Amino acid sequence: MIEKDTQMSSRKIPYAMYSDNWSYDAENTAELSSNSSQVTPSEYDNESMRKKIFCPRCFTPLTRAPLEGLVSTNGISAFFKHLPSYNHIRCLYRAKRGEGLNYNNEEEAREAIDNDLLVIVDRFLRDKPQQDNTTNSEAYNDTLIEDANGPNTNALISRHEGEAYNLPSKVATVRALCRKFPENLLKGYYLPDTQVALPLADLLNKVESLISEDDKNKLYIGKITGSDHRGEKSDNNIRMTYLKFSKGGGYKDFCIKTIHSQQSQHGINDSTTGRYVIFYGKITESGIGLCVENLGYGELALLPERYNEVADAL
């Protein structure tokens, strides 16, 4: 029971770094980063990986609970956890979910931005950038225009209450979050109209768990259960993309209601069942269900299929 309470209050470790020949060495973490593979809890094999998995943030050894099987005897899905002998080493994944990332001064915050550990998002793009001519959702390459420099923004990420830092921001796309998704889960994001910077893993709300409307823009992740046109198939007609939903709050289903051409630009079509999408928007009623609609180009993305296992572990 103690393990359950700890897991529910702490941030999940979505994947571990597996290395067959590396031992913990705080001065040589670069070797682990370049010579390891990412393993999710469901991919873990106790016979071959025991004592060979490490935290992607603090690099200390991990274990899995339970060591065998995907579900513990008290019904908890398998998860990674730190070893108690390394509790003296600070780690993002020992903090509670929702606990903000704060900085002692502006210089420290700028250093986090320079080191790609923190992103201040001024806004998500509404219109498709002219430079982006790709329609392939898997084309997450360095030439793709995923974000651009935005204005300096006063971000409330100081350890001192009420103090804001004047920091550079990005005009971003949700698709930028999907590129190198596992690494981005560890990164801090300060989103529009928020008062705290959080790891992406904490900012992603599960569509499956929704029970009501929400008029505040938030990031959501959901698994596609089906997608088709409403009426005649044309670029400007609405495509209904349904996501896995637990029928909370008495609602029957959940769907993304956006024109076909826009969803097609992100690779969403009749054959994307089982894939994950991420979007940034408000939740509204749609008949007897819930939906998100009127999404801008940069507010929707199809997660590359290779990251399905990581998304399953969130």
Protein backbone atom coordinates (compact mmCIF):
# COMPACT_ATOMS: atom_id res chain seq x y z
CA MET A 1 0.00 0.00 0.00
CA ILE A 2 2.88 2.36 0.71
CA GLU A 3 4.16 1.83 -2.83
CA LYS A 4 0.74 2.65 -4.26
CA ASP A 5 0.46 5.94 -2.34
CA THR A 6 3.97 6.95 -3.36
CA GLN A 7 3.35 6.17 -7.00
CA MET A 8 0.04 8.02 -7.13
CA SER A 9 1.54 11.18 -5.60
CA SER A 10 4.81 11.18 -7.56
CA ARG A 11 5.57 11.73 -11.21
CA LYS A 12 5.67 8.59 -13.30
CA ILE A 13 8.94 7.62 -14.96
CA PRO A 14 7.62 6.93 -18.48
CA TYR A 15 10.72 5.07 -19.66
CA ALA A 16 14.07 3.84 -18.39
CA MET A 17 17.48 3.93 -20.05
CA TYR A 18 18.74 0.37 -20.52
CA SER A 19 22.44 -0.39 -20.85
CA ASP A 20 24.06 -3.80 -20.69
CA ASN A 21 27.51 -2.51 -19.71
CA TRP A 22 27.16 0.82 -17.86
CA SER A 23 27.30 1.25 -14.09
CA TYR A 24 26.17 4.37 -12.29
CA ASP A 25 28.81 7.10 -12.56
CA ALA A 26 27.68 10.69 -12.02
CA GLU A 27 30.74 11.91 -13.95
CA ASN A 28 30.13 9.75 -17.01
CA THR A 29 26.43 10.05 -17.85
CA ALA A 30 27.21 11.00 -21.46
CA GLU A 31 28.23 7.38 -22.12
CA LEU A 32 24.86 6.15 -20.89
CA SER A 33 23.02 8.70 -23.04
CA SER A 34 24.85 7.64 -26.19
CA ASN A 35 24.91 3.88 -25.54
CA SER A 36 21.50 3.00 -24.16
CA SER A 37 18.00 2.25 -25.38
CA GLN A 38 14.65 3.46 -24.05
CA VAL A 39 12.53 0.84 -22.31
CA THR A 40 8.94 1.29 -21.12
CA PRO A 41 7.52 -0.65 -18.15
CA SER A 42 5.72 -3.05 -20.49
CA GLU A 43 8.95 -3.74 -22.43
CA TYR A 44 11.01 -4.48 -19.32
CA ASP A 45 12.38 -8.02 -19.06
CA ASN A 46 13.55 -8.89 -15.56
CA GLU A 47 15.82 -11.74 -16.63
CA SER A 48 17.96 -9.63 -18.97
CA MET A 49 17.47 -6.07 -17.66
CA ARG A 50 17.56 -6.34 -13.88
CA LYS A 51 20.15 -3.92 -12.42
CA LYS A 52 20.72 -2.50 -15.91
CA ILE A 53 18.07 0.24 -16.10
CA PHE A 54 18.57 3.89 -15.14
CA CYS A 55 16.57 7.08 -14.66
CA PRO A 56 16.53 9.34 -17.76
CA ARG A 57 16.75 12.42 -15.52
CA CYS A 58 19.16 11.68 -12.63
CA PHE A 59 20.76 8.55 -14.18
CA THR A 60 20.63 6.57 -10.93
CA PRO A 61 19.62 2.88 -11.04
CA LEU A 62 15.94 1.99 -11.24
CA THR A 63 13.89 -1.06 -10.53
CA ARG A 64 10.40 -2.05 -11.62
CA ALA A 65 7.41 -2.91 -9.48
CA PRO A 66 6.46 -5.66 -9.87
CA LEU A 67 9.62 -7.29 -11.24
CA GLU A 68 7.53 -9.91 -13.06
CA GLY A 69 4.21 -9.37 -14.84
CA LEU A 70 2.48 -6.17 -15.90
CA VAL A 71 0.15 -5.75 -12.91
CA SER A 72 0.89 -6.04 -9.19
CA THR A 73 -1.18 -8.19 -6.82
CA ASN A 74 -3.11 -5.09 -5.68
CA GLY A 75 -4.01 -4.11 -9.26
CA ILE A 76 -1.41 -1.40 -9.94
CA SER A 77 0.12 -1.32 -13.44
CA ALA A 78 3.87 -1.92 -13.55
CA PHE A 79 6.01 1.19 -13.03
CA PHE A 80 9.63 2.19 -12.62
CA LYS A 81 10.94 3.55 -9.33
CA HIS A 82 14.21 4.77 -7.84
CA LEU A 83 16.25 2.69 -5.43
CA PRO A 84 16.11 4.02 -1.85
CA SER A 85 19.91 4.05 -1.60
CA TYR A 86 19.99 6.96 -4.09
CA ASN A 87 17.28 9.09 -2.47
CA HIS A 88 19.86 11.74 -1.56
CA ILE A 89 20.25 12.61 -5.25
CA ARG A 90 17.69 15.19 -6.41
CA CYS A 91 15.49 14.15 -9.30
CA LEU A 92 12.50 15.60 -11.11
CA TYR A 93 10.76 12.22 -10.87
CA ARG A 94 10.84 12.17 -7.08
CA ALA A 95 8.82 15.39 -7.00
CA LYS A 96 5.04 15.35 -6.79
CA ARG A 97 2.97 15.77 -9.92
CA GLY A 98 1.95 19.39 -10.39
CA GLU A 99 4.90 20.71 -8.43
CA GLY A 100 6.19 23.64 -10.49
CA LEU A 101 9.71 24.07 -11.81
CA ASN A 102 11.03 27.27 -10.23
CA TYR A 103 14.35 29.06 -10.54
CA ASN A 104 16.42 31.10 -8.09
CA ASN A 105 17.09 33.93 -10.53
CA GLU A 106 16.69 35.03 -14.15
CA GLU A 107 20.19 33.86 -15.07
CA GLU A 108 19.38 30.33 -13.90
CA ALA A 109 16.13 30.32 -15.92
CA ARG A 110 17.92 31.56 -19.06
CA GLU A 111 20.52 28.84 -18.61
CA ALA A 112 17.72 26.23 -18.51
CA ILE A 113 16.33 27.66 -21.76
CA ASP A 114 19.79 27.65 -23.40
CA ASN A 115 20.27 24.02 -22.34
CA ASP A 116 16.88 23.05 -23.82
CA LEU A 117 15.47 22.12 -20.42
CA LEU A 118 12.80 24.85 -20.35
CA VAL A 119 10.55 26.30 -23.06
CA ILE A 120 8.43 29.42 -22.63
CA VAL A 121 5.51 29.16 -25.10
CA ASP A 122 4.02 32.52 -26.06
CA ARG A 123 1.29 30.90 -28.20
CA PHE A 124 0.57 27.97 -30.50
CA LEU A 125 0.32 28.73 -34.21
CA ARG A 126 -3.16 29.16 -35.63
CA ASP A 127 -2.18 29.18 -39.32
CA LYS A 128 0.02 26.79 -41.24
CA PRO A 129 3.51 28.24 -41.84
CA GLN A 130 4.28 28.72 -45.53
CA GLN A 131 7.64 26.99 -45.13
CA ASP A 132 5.96 23.72 -44.12
CA ASN A 133 5.00 21.75 -47.23
CA THR A 134 5.02 18.30 -45.65
CA THR A 135 1.91 16.18 -45.18
CA ASN A 136 3.81 13.24 -43.69
CA SER A 137 3.23 13.02 -39.95
CA GLU A 138 6.45 11.02 -39.52
CA ALA A 139 8.63 13.73 -41.13
CA TYR A 140 9.96 15.14 -37.88
CA ASN A 141 13.21 16.45 -39.29
CA ASP A 142 15.48 19.40 -38.58
CA THR A 143 14.25 21.40 -41.57
CA LEU A 144 10.61 21.38 -40.47
CA ILE A 145 9.39 24.73 -39.13
CA GLU A 146 8.08 23.64 -35.73
CA ASP A 147 8.52 26.78 -33.70
CA ALA A 148 9.88 30.30 -34.06
CA ASN A 149 11.24 32.95 -31.76
CA GLY A 150 8.51 34.86 -29.98
CA PRO A 151 8.56 38.00 -27.85
CA ASN A 152 10.11 38.22 -24.43
CA THR A 153 7.56 37.12 -21.86
CA ASN A 154 7.22 37.76 -18.12
CA ALA A 155 7.15 34.25 -16.68
CA LEU A 156 6.26 33.59 -13.05
CA ILE A 157 8.81 30.86 -12.48
CA SER A 158 10.76 32.42 -9.61
CA ARG A 159 11.16 30.68 -6.26
CA HIS A 160 10.19 34.05 -4.81
CA GLU A 161 6.41 34.48 -4.88
CA GLY A 162 5.14 37.12 -7.30
CA GLU A 163 8.50 37.74 -9.02
CA ALA A 164 8.54 37.33 -12.81
CA TYR A 165 11.49 36.89 -15.16
CA ASN A 166 11.66 38.53 -18.60
CA LEU A 167 12.52 35.52 -20.78
CA PRO A 168 12.59 34.65 -24.51
CA SER A 169 9.57 32.68 -25.73
CA LYS A 170 8.59 30.48 -28.64
CA VAL A 171 5.64 30.57 -31.04
CA ALA A 172 5.22 26.83 -31.15
CA THR A 173 3.31 23.93 -32.65
CA VAL A 174 2.06 20.88 -30.80
CA ARG A 175 3.94 18.89 -33.43
CA ALA A 176 7.18 20.29 -31.96
CA LEU A 177 6.27 18.55 -28.68
CA CYS A 178 5.94 15.24 -30.53
CA ARG A 179 9.42 15.41 -32.02
CA LYS A 180 11.72 13.56 -29.61
CA PHE A 181 8.65 12.98 -27.46
CA PRO A 182 10.30 10.89 -24.69
CA GLU A 183 12.96 13.57 -24.11
CA ASN A 184 10.33 16.33 -24.16
CA LEU A 185 8.40 14.63 -21.37
CA LEU A 186 11.25 15.62 -19.04
CA LYS A 187 11.44 19.19 -20.31
CA GLY A 188 9.73 22.08 -18.55
CA TYR A 189 7.07 24.09 -20.42
CA TYR A 190 5.50 27.40 -19.45
CA LEU A 191 2.28 27.62 -21.48
CA PRO A 192 0.05 30.61 -22.28
CA ASP A 193 -2.22 31.75 -19.43
CA THR A 194 -0.43 29.59 -16.84
CA GLN A 195 1.31 30.52 -13.61
CA VAL A 196 3.79 27.67 -13.39
CA ALA A 197 6.29 25.74 -15.52
CA LEU A 198 5.76 21.97 -15.49
CA PRO A 199 7.26 18.93 -17.21
CA LEU A 200 5.35 18.02 -20.36
CA ALA A 201 4.36 14.72 -18.72
CA ASP A 202 2.42 16.70 -16.09
CA LEU A 203 0.79 19.02 -18.64
CA LEU A 204 -0.70 16.24 -20.77
CA ASN A 205 -4.30 15.57 -19.72
CA LYS A 206 -5.81 12.23 -20.72
CA VAL A 207 -8.90 12.49 -22.91
CA GLU A 208 -9.95 9.08 -21.61
CA SER A 209 -10.44 10.54 -18.12
CA LEU A 210 -12.55 13.58 -19.08
CA ILE A 211 -15.89 13.96 -17.31
CA SER A 212 -17.03 17.48 -18.24
CA GLU A 213 -16.52 20.56 -20.40
CA ASP A 214 -13.51 22.78 -19.75
CA ASP A 215 -13.34 26.32 -21.13
CA LYS A 216 -9.61 26.69 -20.44
CA ASN A 217 -7.08 25.79 -23.12
CA LYS A 218 -5.01 22.77 -22.06
CA LEU A 219 -2.85 20.09 -23.60
CA TYR A 220 -4.56 16.71 -24.07
CA ILE A 221 -3.46 13.30 -25.29
CA GLY A 222 -5.77 10.58 -26.56
CA LYS A 223 -5.77 7.33 -28.54
CA ILE A 224 -7.70 7.20 -31.82
CA THR A 225 -10.48 4.62 -31.94
CA GLY A 226 -11.85 5.66 -35.34
CA SER A 227 -11.97 8.51 -37.85
CA ASP A 228 -14.32 9.31 -40.72
CA HIS A 229 -16.02 12.14 -42.62
CA ARG A 230 -19.33 13.70 -41.79
CA GLY A 231 -21.23 13.82 -45.06
CA GLU A 232 -19.49 14.15 -48.43
CA LYS A 233 -15.75 13.57 -48.44
CA SER A 234 -14.09 16.91 -49.21
CA ASP A 235 -11.29 19.00 -47.75
CA ASN A 236 -13.62 21.49 -46.11
CA ASN A 237 -16.03 18.99 -44.57
CA ILE A 238 -15.70 18.01 -40.94
CA ARG A 239 -13.72 14.88 -40.11
CA MET A 240 -14.82 13.19 -36.88
CA THR A 241 -11.85 11.58 -35.15
CA TYR A 242 -12.95 9.62 -32.08
CA LEU A 243 -10.62 9.06 -29.13
CA LYS A 244 -10.63 6.43 -26.40
CA PHE A 245 -13.10 7.60 -23.77
CA SER A 246 -14.33 6.15 -20.48
CA LYS A 247 -17.84 7.67 -20.80
CA GLY A 248 -17.27 9.81 -17.74
CA GLY A 249 -19.90 12.31 -16.62
CA GLY A 250 -22.56 10.45 -18.56
CA TYR A 251 -21.13 11.45 -21.96
CA LYS A 252 -21.13 8.84 -24.72
CA ASP A 253 -17.92 9.63 -26.61
CA PHE A 254 -15.22 12.18 -27.45
CA CYS A 255 -14.18 13.42 -30.87
CA ILE A 256 -11.98 15.95 -32.62
CA LYS A 257 -14.18 18.01 -34.96
CA THR A 258 -11.92 19.72 -37.49
CA ILE A 259 -12.03 19.96 -41.28
CA HIS A 260 -10.57 17.04 -43.20
CA SER A 261 -7.77 19.03 -44.87
CA GLN A 262 -6.34 20.15 -41.54
CA GLN A 263 -6.37 16.68 -40.00
CA SER A 264 -4.91 15.30 -43.23
CA GLN A 265 -1.99 17.74 -42.96
CA HIS A 266 -1.10 16.01 -39.71
CA GLY A 267 -1.50 12.50 -41.11
CA ILE A 268 -4.88 11.72 -39.50
CA ASN A 269 -7.03 9.61 -41.80
CA ASP A 270 -9.24 6.51 -42.00
CA SER A 271 -6.26 4.28 -41.12
CA THR A 272 -4.86 5.91 -37.99
CA THR A 273 -6.84 3.90 -35.43
CA GLY A 274 -4.61 3.00 -32.50
CA ARG A 275 -2.38 6.06 -32.88
CA TYR A 276 -2.12 8.88 -30.33
CA VAL A 277 -2.95 12.54 -30.94
CA ILE A 278 -2.02 15.56 -28.86
CA PHE A 279 -3.95 18.82 -29.03
CA TYR A 280 -4.25 22.17 -27.28
CA GLY A 281 -7.79 23.43 -26.87
CA LYS A 282 -11.03 23.74 -24.93
CA ILE A 283 -13.45 20.89 -24.24
CA THR A 284 -17.09 21.46 -25.20
CA GLU A 285 -20.27 19.41 -25.53
CA SER A 286 -21.21 17.83 -28.84
CA GLY A 287 -24.68 16.32 -28.63
CA ILE A 288 -24.41 13.51 -26.10
CA GLY A 289 -20.60 13.56 -26.18
CA LEU A 290 -17.64 15.85 -25.65
CA CYS A 291 -15.40 17.30 -28.33
CA VAL A 292 -12.69 19.77 -29.26
CA GLU A 293 -13.17 21.92 -32.35
CA ASN A 294 -11.84 25.03 -34.12
CA LEU A 295 -8.25 23.93 -33.58
CA GLY A 296 -5.51 25.92 -35.28
CA TYR A 297 -2.83 24.27 -37.41
CA GLY A 298 -0.29 24.35 -34.59
CA GLU A 299 -2.74 23.08 -31.96
CA LEU A 300 -2.98 19.48 -33.21
CA ALA A 301 -0.49 16.71 -33.95
CA LEU A 302 -0.36 12.97 -34.55
CA LEU A 303 2.27 11.34 -32.34
CA PRO A 304 4.75 9.22 -34.33
CA GLU A 305 3.76 5.58 -33.99
CA ARG A 306 7.16 4.61 -32.56
CA TYR A 307 6.20 6.47 -29.37
CA ASN A 308 2.98 4.53 -28.72
CA GLU A 309 4.59 2.47 -25.94
CA VAL A 310 5.79 5.63 -24.18
CA ALA A 311 2.32 7.20 -24.43
CA ASP A 312 0.76 3.99 -23.08
CA ALA A 313 2.95 4.31 -19.99
CA LEU A 314 1.85 7.86 -19.11
